[in-house]
PDB file of N, CA and C in Angstrom:
ATOM      1  N   MET A   1      18.225   8.428 -20.221  1.00  0.00           N
ATOM      2  CA  MET A   1      18.123   7.014 -19.917  1.00  0.00           C
ATOM      3  C   MET A   1      17.433   6.804 -18.558  1.00  0.00           C
ATOM      4  N   LYS A   2      17.831   7.584 -17.557  1.00  0.00           N
ATOM      5  CA  LYS A   2      17.253   7.479 -16.229  1.00  0.00           C
ATOM      6  C   LYS A   2      15.751   7.804 -16.261  1.00  0.00           C
ATOM      7  N   LYS A   3      15.392   8.794 -17.062  1.00  0.00           N
ATOM      8  CA  LYS A   3      13.997   9.194 -17.190  1.00  0.00           C
ATOM      9  C   LYS A   3      13.141   8.036 -17.701  1.00  0.00           C
ATOM     10  N   TYR A   4      13.629   7.319 -18.705  1.00  0.00           N
ATOM     11  CA  TYR A   4      12.868   6.216 -19.285  1.00  0.00           C
ATOM     12  C   TYR A   4      12.784   5.028 -18.324  1.00  0.00           C
ATOM     13  N   LEU A   5      13.821   4.826 -17.531  1.00  0.00           N
ATOM     14  CA  LEU A   5      13.786   3.779 -16.519  1.00  0.00           C
ATOM     15  C   LEU A   5      12.726   4.102 -15.471  1.00  0.00           C
ATOM     16  N   TYR A   6      12.667   5.348 -15.029  1.00  0.00           N
ATOM     17  CA  TYR A   6      11.650   5.754 -14.057  1.00  0.00           C
ATOM     18  C   TYR A   6      10.241   5.651 -14.648  1.00  0.00           C
ATOM     19  N   ILE A   7      10.074   5.997 -15.899  1.00  0.00           N
ATOM     20  CA  ILE A   7       8.761   5.859 -16.537  1.00  0.00           C
ATOM     21  C   ILE A   7       8.355   4.396 -16.571  1.00  0.00           C
ATOM     22  N   ALA A   8       9.282   3.511 -16.932  1.00  0.00           N
ATOM     23  CA  ALA A   8       8.988   2.075 -16.997  1.00  0.00           C
ATOM     24  C   ALA A   8       8.666   1.518 -15.610  1.00  0.00           C
ATOM     25  N   LEU A   9       9.463   1.888 -14.608  1.00  0.00           N
ATOM     26  CA  LEU A   9       9.204   1.414 -13.249  1.00  0.00           C
ATOM     27  C   LEU A   9       7.884   1.956 -12.713  1.00  0.00           C
ATOM     28  N   GLY A  10       7.581   3.214 -13.031  1.00  0.00           N
ATOM     29  CA  GLY A  10       6.301   3.796 -12.626  1.00  0.00           C
ATOM     30  C   GLY A  10       5.129   3.086 -13.280  1.00  0.00           C
ATOM     31  N   SER A  11       5.289   2.737 -14.545  1.00  0.00           N
ATOM     32  CA  SER A  11       4.229   2.009 -15.251  1.00  0.00           C
ATOM     33  C   SER A  11       4.021   0.621 -14.651  1.00  0.00           C
ATOM     34  N   LEU A  12       5.129  -0.034 -14.306  1.00  0.00           N
ATOM     35  CA  LEU A  12       5.048  -1.361 -13.690  1.00  0.00           C
ATOM     36  C   LEU A  12       4.355  -1.282 -12.329  1.00  0.00           C
ATOM     37  N   THR A  13       4.747  -0.333 -11.487  1.00  0.00           N
ATOM     38  CA  THR A  13       4.133  -0.218 -10.164  1.00  0.00           C
ATOM     39  C   THR A  13       2.671   0.233 -10.264  1.00  0.00           C
ATOM     40  N   PHE A  14       2.367   1.028 -11.288  1.00  0.00           N
ATOM     41  CA  PHE A  14       0.970   1.420 -11.511  1.00  0.00           C
ATOM     42  C   PHE A  14       0.128   0.195 -11.868  1.00  0.00           C
ATOM     43  N   ALA A  15       0.652  -0.643 -12.757  1.00  0.00           N
ATOM     44  CA  ALA A  15      -0.070  -1.854 -13.147  1.00  0.00           C
ATOM     45  C   ALA A  15      -0.252  -2.789 -11.949  1.00  0.00           C
ATOM     46  N   LEU A  16       0.795  -2.973 -11.162  1.00  0.00           N
ATOM     47  CA  LEU A  16       0.692  -3.840  -9.983  1.00  0.00           C
ATOM     48  C   LEU A  16      -0.298  -3.277  -8.965  1.00  0.00           C
ATOM     49  N   GLY A  17      -0.288  -1.966  -8.775  1.00  0.00           N
ATOM     50  CA  GLY A  17      -1.230  -1.341  -7.858  1.00  0.00           C
ATOM     51  C   GLY A  17      -2.666  -1.484  -8.321  1.00  0.00           C
ATOM     52  N   THR A  18      -2.875  -1.359  -9.611  1.00  0.00           N
ATOM     53  CA  THR A  18      -4.222  -1.507 -10.157  1.00  0.00           C
ATOM     54  C   THR A  18      -4.694  -2.950 -10.027  1.00  0.00           C
ATOM     55  N   ILE A  19      -3.825  -3.899 -10.278  1.00  0.00           N
ATOM     56  CA  ILE A  19      -4.164  -5.309 -10.081  1.00  0.00           C
ATOM     57  C   ILE A  19      -4.438  -5.576  -8.606  1.00  0.00           C
ATOM     58  N   GLY A  20      -3.712  -4.872  -7.743  1.00  0.00           N
ATOM     59  CA  GLY A  20      -3.881  -5.032  -6.304  1.00  0.00           C
ATOM     60  C   GLY A  20      -5.251  -4.629  -5.797  1.00  0.00           C
ATOM     61  N   MET A  21      -6.010  -3.881  -6.576  1.00  0.00           N
ATOM     62  CA  MET A  21      -7.375  -3.544  -6.175  1.00  0.00           C
ATOM     63  C   MET A  21      -8.244  -4.805  -6.114  1.00  0.00           C
ATOM     64  N   PHE A  22      -7.863  -5.811  -6.895  1.00  0.00           N
ATOM     65  CA  PHE A  22      -8.681  -7.013  -7.003  1.00  0.00           C
ATOM     66  C   PHE A  22      -8.062  -8.224  -6.317  1.00  0.00           C
ATOM     67  N   LEU A  23      -6.761  -8.190  -6.060  1.00  0.00           N
ATOM     68  CA  LEU A  23      -6.082  -9.303  -5.410  1.00  0.00           C
ATOM     69  C   LEU A  23      -5.645  -8.891  -4.010  1.00  0.00           C
ATOM     70  N   PRO A  24      -6.008  -9.662  -2.997  1.00  0.00           N
ATOM     71  CA  PRO A  24      -5.739  -9.233  -1.624  1.00  0.00           C
ATOM     72  C   PRO A  24      -4.269  -9.236  -1.226  1.00  0.00           C
ATOM     73  N   PHE A  25      -3.416  -9.913  -1.964  1.00  0.00           N
ATOM     74  CA  PHE A  25      -2.013  -9.995  -1.554  1.00  0.00           C
ATOM     75  C   PHE A  25      -1.126  -8.945  -2.212  1.00  0.00           C
ATOM     76  N   LEU A  26      -1.670  -8.120  -3.078  1.00  0.00           N
ATOM     77  CA  LEU A  26      -0.911  -7.016  -3.672  1.00  0.00           C
ATOM     78  C   LEU A  26      -1.383  -5.704  -3.057  1.00  0.00           C
ATOM     79  N   PRO A  27      -0.512  -4.990  -2.370  1.00  0.00           N
ATOM     80  CA  PRO A  27      -0.925  -3.756  -1.692  1.00  0.00           C
ATOM     81  C   PRO A  27      -1.013  -2.567  -2.655  1.00  0.00           C
ATOM     82  N   THR A  28      -2.212  -2.153  -2.972  1.00  0.00           N
ATOM     83  CA  THR A  28      -2.441  -1.056  -3.909  1.00  0.00           C
ATOM     84  C   THR A  28      -1.749   0.226  -3.463  1.00  0.00           C
ATOM     85  N   THR A  29      -1.906   0.585  -2.213  1.00  0.00           N
ATOM     86  CA  THR A  29      -1.380   1.858  -1.715  1.00  0.00           C
ATOM     87  C   THR A  29       0.125   1.949  -1.877  1.00  0.00           C
ATOM     88  N   VAL A  30       0.834   0.906  -1.525  1.00  0.00           N
ATOM     89  CA  VAL A  30       2.297   0.916  -1.632  1.00  0.00           C
ATOM     90  C   VAL A  30       2.732   1.088  -3.083  1.00  0.00           C
ATOM     91  N   PHE A  31       2.112   0.354  -3.978  1.00  0.00           N
ATOM     92  CA  PHE A  31       2.482   0.468  -5.387  1.00  0.00           C
ATOM     93  C   PHE A  31       2.115   1.837  -5.959  1.00  0.00           C
ATOM     94  N   TYR A  32       1.002   2.403  -5.505  1.00  0.00           N
ATOM     95  CA  TYR A  32       0.642   3.738  -5.979  1.00  0.00           C
ATOM     96  C   TYR A  32       1.597   4.805  -5.440  1.00  0.00           C
ATOM     97  N   LEU A  33       2.074   4.633  -4.221  1.00  0.00           N
ATOM     98  CA  LEU A  33       3.081   5.565  -3.699  1.00  0.00           C
ATOM     99  C   LEU A  33       4.370   5.480  -4.522  1.00  0.00           C
ATOM    100  N   LEU A  34       4.776   4.266  -4.865  1.00  0.00           N
ATOM    101  CA  LEU A  34       5.960   4.101  -5.714  1.00  0.00           C
ATOM    102  C   LEU A  34       5.740   4.703  -7.102  1.00  0.00           C
ATOM    103  N   THR A  35       4.543   4.535  -7.643  1.00  0.00           N
ATOM    104  CA  THR A  35       4.226   5.122  -8.947  1.00  0.00           C
ATOM    105  C   THR A  35       4.391   6.636  -8.897  1.00  0.00           C
ATOM    106  N   GLY A  36       3.849   7.248  -7.859  1.00  0.00           N
ATOM    107  CA  GLY A  36       3.993   8.699  -7.707  1.00  0.00           C
ATOM    108  C   GLY A  36       5.453   9.118  -7.637  1.00  0.00           C
ATOM    109  N   PHE A  37       6.259   8.360  -6.891  1.00  0.00           N
ATOM    110  CA  PHE A  37       7.684   8.664  -6.776  1.00  0.00           C
ATOM    111  C   PHE A  37       8.370   8.568  -8.125  1.00  0.00           C
ATOM    112  N   PHE A  38       8.169   7.465  -8.828  1.00  0.00           N
ATOM    113  CA  PHE A  38       8.855   7.265 -10.115  1.00  0.00           C
ATOM    114  C   PHE A  38       8.412   8.291 -11.152  1.00  0.00           C
ATOM    115  N   TRP A  39       7.118   8.578 -11.217  1.00  0.00           N
ATOM    116  CA  TRP A  39       6.654   9.526 -12.228  1.00  0.00           C
ATOM    117  C   TRP A  39       6.981  10.964 -11.846  1.00  0.00           C
ATOM    118  N   LEU A  40       7.115  11.256 -10.567  1.00  0.00           N
ATOM    119  CA  LEU A  40       7.556  12.583 -10.143  1.00  0.00           C
ATOM    120  C   LEU A  40       8.968  12.856 -10.667  1.00  0.00           C
ATOM    121  N   HIS A  41       9.814  11.836 -10.658  1.00  0.00           N
ATOM    122  CA  HIS A  41      11.199  11.994 -11.080  1.00  0.00           C
ATOM    123  C   HIS A  41      11.407  11.772 -12.579  1.00  0.00           C
ATOM    124  N   SER A  42      10.335  11.507 -13.327  1.00  0.00           N
ATOM    125  CA  SER A  42      10.528  11.235 -14.748  1.00  0.00           C
ATOM    126  C   SER A  42       9.724  12.163 -15.653  1.00  0.00           C
ATOM    127  N   SER A  43       8.452  12.333 -15.357  1.00  0.00           N
ATOM    128  CA  SER A  43       7.580  13.064 -16.271  1.00  0.00           C
ATOM    129  C   SER A  43       6.546  13.869 -15.491  1.00  0.00           C
ATOM    130  N   GLU A  44       6.599  15.163 -15.646  1.00  0.00           N
ATOM    131  CA  GLU A  44       5.636  16.037 -14.972  1.00  0.00           C
ATOM    132  C   GLU A  44       4.211  15.735 -15.440  1.00  0.00           C
ATOM    133  N   ARG A  45       4.042  15.444 -16.720  1.00  0.00           N
ATOM    134  CA  ARG A  45       2.715  15.152 -17.270  1.00  0.00           C
ATOM    135  C   ARG A  45       2.129  13.881 -16.652  1.00  0.00           C
ATOM    136  N   LEU A  46       2.924  12.801 -16.604  1.00  0.00           N
ATOM    137  CA  LEU A  46       2.441  11.550 -16.026  1.00  0.00           C
ATOM    138  C   LEU A  46       2.129  11.722 -14.534  1.00  0.00           C
ATOM    139  N   HIS A  47       3.000  12.427 -13.834  1.00  0.00           N
ATOM    140  CA  HIS A  47       2.786  12.652 -12.410  1.00  0.00           C
ATOM    141  C   HIS A  47       1.521  13.458 -12.168  1.00  0.00           C
ATOM    142  N   ARG A  48       1.311  14.500 -12.935  1.00  0.00           N
ATOM    143  CA  ARG A  48       0.117  15.335 -12.777  1.00  0.00           C
ATOM    144  C   ARG A  48      -1.147  14.523 -13.065  1.00  0.00           C
ATOM    145  N   GLN A  49      -1.146  13.746 -14.160  1.00  0.00           N
ATOM    146  CA  GLN A  49      -2.307  12.916 -14.490  1.00  0.00           C
ATOM    147  C   GLN A  49      -2.603  11.920 -13.372  1.00  0.00           C
ATOM    148  N   PHE A  50      -1.544  11.325 -12.845  1.00  0.00           N
ATOM    149  CA  PHE A  50      -1.720  10.325 -11.792  1.00  0.00           C
ATOM    150  C   PHE A  50      -2.269  10.948 -10.513  1.00  0.00           C
ATOM    151  N   THR A  51      -1.709  12.066 -10.084  1.00  0.00           N
ATOM    152  CA  THR A  51      -2.148  12.676  -8.826  1.00  0.00           C
ATOM    153  C   THR A  51      -3.528  13.329  -8.934  1.00  0.00           C
ATOM    154  N   GLU A  52      -3.992  13.566 -10.132  1.00  0.00           N
ATOM    155  CA  GLU A  52      -5.330  14.120 -10.317  1.00  0.00           C
ATOM    156  C   GLU A  52      -6.382  13.037 -10.548  1.00  0.00           C
ATOM    157  N   SER A  53      -5.975  11.763 -10.585  1.00  0.00           N
ATOM    158  CA  SER A  53      -6.911  10.677 -10.863  1.00  0.00           C
ATOM    159  C   SER A  53      -7.753  10.335  -9.636  1.00  0.00           C
ATOM    160  N   ASP A  54      -8.914   9.758  -9.886  1.00  0.00           N
ATOM    161  CA  ASP A  54      -9.815   9.369  -8.797  1.00  0.00           C
ATOM    162  C   ASP A  54      -9.221   8.264  -7.935  1.00  0.00           C
ATOM    163  N   LYS A  55      -8.530   7.323  -8.553  1.00  0.00           N
ATOM    164  CA  LYS A  55      -7.945   6.208  -7.792  1.00  0.00           C
ATOM    165  C   LYS A  55      -6.844   6.698  -6.857  1.00  0.00           C
ATOM    166  N   TYR A  56      -6.061   7.671  -7.280  1.00  0.00           N
ATOM    167  CA  TYR A  56      -5.035   8.242  -6.405  1.00  0.00           C
ATOM    168  C   TYR A  56      -5.694   8.879  -5.187  1.00  0.00           C
ATOM    169  N   ARG A  57      -6.742   9.623  -5.429  1.00  0.00           N
ATOM    170  CA  ARG A  57      -7.454  10.252  -4.312  1.00  0.00           C
ATOM    171  C   ARG A  57      -8.049   9.197  -3.379  1.00  0.00           C
ATOM    172  N   GLN A  58      -8.600   8.131  -3.972  1.00  0.00           N
ATOM    173  CA  GLN A  58      -9.249   7.088  -3.188  1.00  0.00           C
ATOM    174  C   GLN A  58      -8.258   6.298  -2.332  1.00  0.00           C
ATOM    175  N   TYR A  59      -7.091   5.970  -2.896  1.00  0.00           N
ATOM    176  CA  TYR A  59      -6.159   5.085  -2.190  1.00  0.00           C
ATOM    177  C   TYR A  59      -5.021   5.808  -1.477  1.00  0.00           C
ATOM    178  N   ILE A  60      -4.753   7.067  -1.822  1.00  0.00           N
ATOM    179  CA  ILE A  60      -3.636   7.778  -1.201  1.00  0.00           C
ATOM    180  C   ILE A  60      -4.117   8.989  -0.409  1.00  0.00           C
ATOM    181  N   VAL A  61      -4.799   9.913  -1.060  1.00  0.00           N
ATOM    182  CA  VAL A  61      -5.144  11.184  -0.416  1.00  0.00           C
ATOM    183  C   VAL A  61      -6.122  10.980   0.738  1.00  0.00           C
ATOM    184  N   GLU A  62      -7.232  10.317   0.483  1.00  0.00           N
ATOM    185  CA  GLU A  62      -8.255  10.164   1.535  1.00  0.00           C
ATOM    186  C   GLU A  62      -7.736   9.387   2.746  1.00  0.00           C
ATOM    187  N   PRO A  63      -7.201   8.162   2.573  1.00  0.00           N
ATOM    188  CA  PRO A  63      -6.798   7.430   3.783  1.00  0.00           C
ATOM    189  C   PRO A  63      -5.492   7.896   4.412  1.00  0.00           C
ATOM    190  N   LEU A  64      -4.508   8.312   3.617  1.00  0.00           N
ATOM    191  CA  LEU A  64      -3.196   8.616   4.174  1.00  0.00           C
ATOM    192  C   LEU A  64      -2.979  10.090   4.479  1.00  0.00           C
ATOM    193  N   VAL A  65      -3.445  10.951   3.619  1.00  0.00           N
ATOM    194  CA  VAL A  65      -3.213  12.385   3.831  1.00  0.00           C
ATOM    195  C   VAL A  65      -4.306  12.972   4.728  1.00  0.00           C
ATOM    196  N   LYS A  66      -5.549  12.725   4.367  1.00  0.00           N
ATOM    197  CA  LYS A  66      -6.656  13.281   5.144  1.00  0.00           C
ATOM    198  C   LYS A  66      -7.067  12.385   6.307  1.00  0.00           C
ATOM    199  N   LYS A  67      -6.541  11.175   6.337  1.00  0.00           N
ATOM    200  CA  LYS A  67      -6.861  10.176   7.365  1.00  0.00           C
ATOM    201  C   LYS A  67      -8.367   9.947   7.443  1.00  0.00           C
ATOM    202  N   ASN A  68      -8.983   9.924   6.291  1.00  0.00           N
ATOM    203  CA  ASN A  68     -10.415   9.713   6.180  1.00  0.00           C
ATOM    204  C   ASN A  68     -10.624   8.322   5.583  1.00  0.00           C
ATOM    205  N   ILE A  69     -10.657   7.313   6.452  1.00  0.00           N
ATOM    206  CA  ILE A  69     -10.813   5.945   5.996  1.00  0.00           C
ATOM    207  C   ILE A  69     -12.024   5.342   6.700  1.00  0.00           C
ATOM    208  N   THR A  70     -12.825   4.617   5.943  1.00  0.00           N
ATOM    209  CA  THR A  70     -14.031   4.014   6.501  1.00  0.00           C
ATOM    210  C   THR A  70     -13.665   2.773   7.304  1.00  0.00           C
ATOM    211  N   ASN A  71     -14.614   2.326   8.104  1.00  0.00           N
ATOM    212  CA  ASN A  71     -14.391   1.084   8.841  1.00  0.00           C
ATOM    213  C   ASN A  71     -14.181  -0.081   7.886  1.00  0.00           C
ATOM    214  N   ALA A  72     -14.948  -0.112   6.803  1.00  0.00           N
ATOM    215  CA  ALA A  72     -14.783  -1.178   5.813  1.00  0.00           C
ATOM    216  C   ALA A  72     -13.396  -1.111   5.176  1.00  0.00           C
ATOM    217  N   GLY A  73     -12.910   0.092   4.939  1.00  0.00           N
ATOM    218  CA  GLY A  73     -11.570   0.256   4.379  1.00  0.00           C
ATOM    219  C   GLY A  73     -10.487  -0.216   5.331  1.00  0.00           C
ATOM    220  N   MET A  74     -10.672   0.068   6.622  1.00  0.00           N
ATOM    221  CA  MET A  74      -9.716  -0.402   7.641  1.00  0.00           C
ATOM    222  C   MET A  74      -9.724  -1.922   7.709  1.00  0.00           C
ATOM    223  N   ILE A  75     -10.900  -2.514   7.712  1.00  0.00           N
ATOM    224  CA  ILE A  75     -10.992  -3.970   7.775  1.00  0.00           C
ATOM    225  C   ILE A  75     -10.345  -4.592   6.543  1.00  0.00           C
ATOM    226  N   ARG A  76     -10.626  -4.031   5.367  1.00  0.00           N
ATOM    227  CA  ARG A  76     -10.025  -4.557   4.126  1.00  0.00           C
ATOM    228  C   ARG A  76      -8.497  -4.461   4.194  1.00  0.00           C
ATOM    229  N   MET A  77      -7.975  -3.350   4.697  1.00  0.00           N
ATOM    230  CA  MET A  77      -6.536  -3.170   4.806  1.00  0.00           C
ATOM    231  C   MET A  77      -5.929  -4.216   5.745  1.00  0.00           C
ATOM    232  N   PHE A  78      -6.558  -4.441   6.883  1.00  0.00           N
ATOM    233  CA  PHE A  78      -6.013  -5.397   7.840  1.00  0.00           C
ATOM    234  C   PHE A  78      -6.155  -6.840   7.366  1.00  0.00           C
ATOM    235  N   VAL A  79      -7.207  -7.144   6.626  1.00  0.00           N
ATOM    236  CA  VAL A  79      -7.344  -8.494   6.055  1.00  0.00           C
ATOM    237  C   VAL A  79      -6.261  -8.736   5.011  1.00  0.00           C
ATOM    238  N   MET A  80      -5.989  -7.737   4.171  1.00  0.00           N
ATOM    239  CA  MET A  80      -4.919  -7.889   3.177  1.00  0.00           C
ATOM    240  C   MET A  80      -3.572  -8.067   3.871  1.00  0.00           C
ATOM    241  N   MET A  81      -3.340  -7.298   4.929  1.00  0.00           N
ATOM    242  CA  MET A  81      -2.091  -7.456   5.676  1.00  0.00           C
ATOM    243  C   MET A  81      -2.019  -8.841   6.306  1.00  0.00           C
ATOM    244  N   LEU A  82      -3.149  -9.351   6.765  1.00  0.00           N
ATOM    245  CA  LEU A  82      -3.182 -10.684   7.359  1.00  0.00           C
ATOM    246  C   LEU A  82      -2.766 -11.740   6.337  1.00  0.00           C
ATOM    247  N   PHE A  83      -3.251 -11.606   5.099  1.00  0.00           N
ATOM    248  CA  PHE A  83      -2.851 -12.534   4.040  1.00  0.00           C
ATOM    249  C   PHE A  83      -1.343 -12.473   3.803  1.00  0.00           C
ATOM    250  N   VAL A  84      -0.803 -11.266   3.770  1.00  0.00           N
ATOM    251  CA  VAL A  84       0.633 -11.095   3.523  1.00  0.00           C
ATOM    252  C   VAL A  84       1.451 -11.708   4.657  1.00  0.00           C
ATOM    253  N   PHE A  85       1.030 -11.515   5.896  1.00  0.00           N
ATOM    254  CA  PHE A  85       1.753 -12.077   7.032  1.00  0.00           C
ATOM    255  C   PHE A  85       1.515 -13.583   7.171  1.00  0.00           C
ATOM    256  N   ALA A  86       0.383 -14.079   6.685  1.00  0.00           N
ATOM    257  CA  ALA A  86       0.066 -15.501   6.818  1.00  0.00           C
ATOM    258  C   ALA A  86       0.949 -16.375   5.924  1.00  0.00           C
ATOM    259  N   ILE A  87       1.405 -15.836   4.809  1.00  0.00           N
ATOM    260  CA  ILE A  87       2.222 -16.639   3.887  1.00  0.00           C
ATOM    261  C   ILE A  87       3.505 -17.122   4.563  1.00  0.00           C
ATOM    262  N   PRO A  88       4.359 -16.241   5.100  1.00  0.00           N
ATOM    263  CA  PRO A  88       5.549 -16.770   5.775  1.00  0.00           C
ATOM    264  C   PRO A  88       5.206 -17.520   7.062  1.00  0.00           C
ATOM    265  N   PHE A  89       4.098 -17.154   7.708  1.00  0.00           N
ATOM    266  CA  PHE A  89       3.688 -17.837   8.935  1.00  0.00           C
ATOM    267  C   PHE A  89       3.419 -19.316   8.650  1.00  0.00           C
ATOM    268  N   VAL A  90       2.744 -19.593   7.550  1.00  0.00           N
ATOM    269  CA  VAL A  90       2.414 -20.969   7.173  1.00  0.00           C
ATOM    270  C   VAL A  90       3.637 -21.707   6.634  1.00  0.00           C
ATOM    271  N   LEU A  91       4.492 -21.014   5.916  1.00  0.00           N
ATOM    272  CA  LEU A  91       5.628 -21.666   5.259  1.00  0.00           C
ATOM    273  C   LEU A  91       6.803 -21.976   6.183  1.00  0.00           C
ATOM    274  N   THR A  92       6.825 -21.416   7.367  1.00  0.00           N
ATOM    275  CA  THR A  92       7.963 -21.645   8.255  1.00  0.00           C
ATOM    276  C   THR A  92       7.618 -22.661   9.348  1.00  0.00           C
ATOM    277  N   ASP A  93       8.657 -23.339   9.805  1.00  0.00           N
ATOM    278  CA  ASP A  93       8.502 -24.260  10.922  1.00  0.00           C
ATOM    279  C   ASP A  93       9.006 -23.655  12.226  1.00  0.00           C
ATOM    280  N   SER A  94       9.577 -22.469  12.151  1.00  0.00           N
ATOM    281  CA  SER A  94      10.178 -21.827  13.307  1.00  0.00           C
ATOM    282  C   SER A  94       9.115 -21.156  14.185  1.00  0.00           C
ATOM    283  N   THR A  95       9.027 -21.610  15.406  1.00  0.00           N
ATOM    284  CA  THR A  95       8.087 -21.011  16.358  1.00  0.00           C
ATOM    285  C   THR A  95       8.461 -19.567  16.662  1.00  0.00           C
ATOM    286  N   THR A  96       9.756 -19.304  16.752  1.00  0.00           N
ATOM    287  CA  THR A  96      10.226 -17.944  17.028  1.00  0.00           C
ATOM    288  C   THR A  96       9.792 -16.990  15.922  1.00  0.00           C
ATOM    289  N   LEU A  97       9.974 -17.394  14.682  1.00  0.00           N
ATOM    290  CA  LEU A  97       9.577 -16.550  13.556  1.00  0.00           C
ATOM    291  C   LEU A  97       8.067 -16.335  13.541  1.00  0.00           C
ATOM    292  N   ARG A  98       7.325 -17.358  13.866  1.00  0.00           N
ATOM    293  CA  ARG A  98       5.867 -17.209  13.907  1.00  0.00           C
ATOM    294  C   ARG A  98       5.449 -16.207  14.978  1.00  0.00           C
ATOM    295  N   ILE A  99       6.087 -16.272  16.122  1.00  0.00           N
ATOM    296  CA  ILE A  99       5.774 -15.324  17.205  1.00  0.00           C
ATOM    297  C   ILE A  99       6.133 -13.902  16.784  1.00  0.00           C
ATOM    298  N   VAL A 100       7.291 -13.733  16.145  1.00  0.00           N
ATOM    299  CA  VAL A 100       7.717 -12.407  15.677  1.00  0.00           C
ATOM    300  C   VAL A 100       6.728 -11.870  14.639  1.00  0.00           C
ATOM    301  N   LEU A 101       6.299 -12.713  13.698  1.00  0.00           N
ATOM    302  CA  LEU A 101       5.322 -12.282  12.693  1.00  0.00           C
ATOM    303  C   LEU A 101       4.007 -11.865  13.348  1.00  0.00           C
ATOM    304  N   LEU A 102       3.584 -12.615  14.333  1.00  0.00           N
ATOM    305  CA  LEU A 102       2.350 -12.285  15.030  1.00  0.00           C
ATOM    306  C   LEU A 102       2.468 -10.960  15.782  1.00  0.00           C
ATOM    307  N   ILE A 103       3.594 -10.752  16.441  1.00  0.00           N
ATOM    308  CA  ILE A 103       3.822  -9.492  17.161  1.00  0.00           C
ATOM    309  C   ILE A 103       3.861  -8.307  16.189  1.00  0.00           C
ATOM    310  N   ILE A 104       4.537  -8.475  15.055  1.00  0.00           N
ATOM    311  CA  ILE A 104       4.618  -7.392  14.064  1.00  0.00           C
ATOM    312  C   ILE A 104       3.231  -7.084  13.498  1.00  0.00           C
ATOM    313  N   TYR A 105       2.448  -8.127  13.207  1.00  0.00           N
ATOM    314  CA  TYR A 105       1.095  -7.901  12.690  1.00  0.00           C
ATOM    315  C   TYR A 105       0.250  -7.144  13.716  1.00  0.00           C
ATOM    316  N   LEU A 106       0.305  -7.569  14.960  1.00  0.00           N
ATOM    317  CA  LEU A 106      -0.473  -6.891  16.007  1.00  0.00           C
ATOM    318  C   LEU A 106      -0.005  -5.449  16.207  1.00  0.00           C
ATOM    319  N   ALA A 107       1.301  -5.219  16.092  1.00  0.00           N
ATOM    320  CA  ALA A 107       1.819  -3.851  16.196  1.00  0.00           C
ATOM    321  C   ALA A 107       1.287  -2.988  15.052  1.00  0.00           C
ATOM    322  N   HIS A 108       1.237  -3.548  13.850  1.00  0.00           N
ATOM    323  CA  HIS A 108       0.644  -2.819  12.718  1.00  0.00           C
ATOM    324  C   HIS A 108      -0.829  -2.533  12.989  1.00  0.00           C
ATOM    325  N   LEU A 109      -1.535  -3.524  13.457  1.00  0.00           N
ATOM    326  CA  LEU A 109      -2.959  -3.376  13.741  1.00  0.00           C
ATOM    327  C   LEU A 109      -3.207  -2.248  14.737  1.00  0.00           C
ATOM    328  N   ILE A 110      -2.481  -2.252  15.823  1.00  0.00           N
ATOM    329  CA  ILE A 110      -2.654  -1.229  16.871  1.00  0.00           C
ATOM    330  C   ILE A 110      -2.134   0.131  16.389  1.00  0.00           C
ATOM    331  N   GLY A 111      -0.941   0.147  15.818  1.00  0.00           N
ATOM    332  CA  GLY A 111      -0.333   1.409  15.387  1.00  0.00           C
ATOM    333  C   GLY A 111      -1.114   2.111  14.295  1.00  0.00           C
ATOM    334  N   LEU A 112      -1.548   1.359  13.281  1.00  0.00           N
ATOM    335  CA  LEU A 112      -2.309   1.986  12.193  1.00  0.00           C
ATOM    336  C   LEU A 112      -3.685   2.435  12.650  1.00  0.00           C
ATOM    337  N   THR A 113      -4.310   1.645  13.506  1.00  0.00           N
ATOM    338  CA  THR A 113      -5.613   2.065  14.034  1.00  0.00           C
ATOM    339  C   THR A 113      -5.462   3.368  14.818  1.00  0.00           C
ATOM    340  N   TRP A 114      -4.455   3.445  15.669  1.00  0.00           N
ATOM    341  CA  TRP A 114      -4.225   4.662  16.452  1.00  0.00           C
ATOM    342  C   TRP A 114      -3.916   5.840  15.527  1.00  0.00           C
ATOM    343  N   HIS A 115      -3.040   5.618  14.546  1.00  0.00           N
ATOM    344  CA  HIS A 115      -2.614   6.699  13.660  1.00  0.00           C
ATOM    345  C   HIS A 115      -3.770   7.212  12.797  1.00  0.00           C
ATOM    346  N   LEU A 116      -4.563   6.299  12.248  1.00  0.00           N
ATOM    347  CA  LEU A 116      -5.622   6.700  11.329  1.00  0.00           C
ATOM    348  C   LEU A 116      -6.896   7.154  12.031  1.00  0.00           C
ATOM    349  N   ARG A 117      -7.102   6.711  13.244  1.00  0.00           N
ATOM    350  CA  ARG A 117      -8.352   7.050  13.936  1.00  0.00           C
ATOM    351  C   ARG A 117      -8.196   8.138  15.002  1.00  0.00           C
ATOM    352  N   PHE A 118      -7.110   8.093  15.758  1.00  0.00           N
ATOM    353  CA  PHE A 118      -7.047   8.943  16.943  1.00  0.00           C
ATOM    354  C   PHE A 118      -6.035  10.074  16.844  1.00  0.00           C
ATOM    355  N   LYS A 119      -5.048   9.967  16.003  1.00  0.00           N
ATOM    356  CA  LYS A 119      -4.040  11.025  15.896  1.00  0.00           C
ATOM    357  C   LYS A 119      -4.483  12.026  14.845  1.00  0.00           C
ATOM    358  N   LYS A 120      -4.656  13.254  15.262  1.00  0.00           N
ATOM    359  CA  LYS A 120      -5.092  14.301  14.324  1.00  0.00           C
ATOM    360  C   LYS A 120      -3.995  15.300  14.107  1.00  0.00           C
TER     361      LYS A 120
END
């Protein structure tokens, strides 16, 4: 039963990650990481197929493992994050929450740039 639940959840996160390639508010990388986790714990065949796919290499191995991300890829990542942070920023009336969201976004911007570009 647990195996089939993991297969279903992996399929759902795979679909969301694939849709996320075209929609800026769905993070492809996060959903693909979840897909790998769910399929690792459910089916060796599905996990192997997924980790050998070109999209896995493009969205997980190159930017996260090898830290080989292009400037365009970095900009796309930060623009998508900006969209995600802008939703609660626009929907709230709290100045404190807006400041916290802005600080968290800037921390992501600085931290990810440092991690992906300068830390080897």
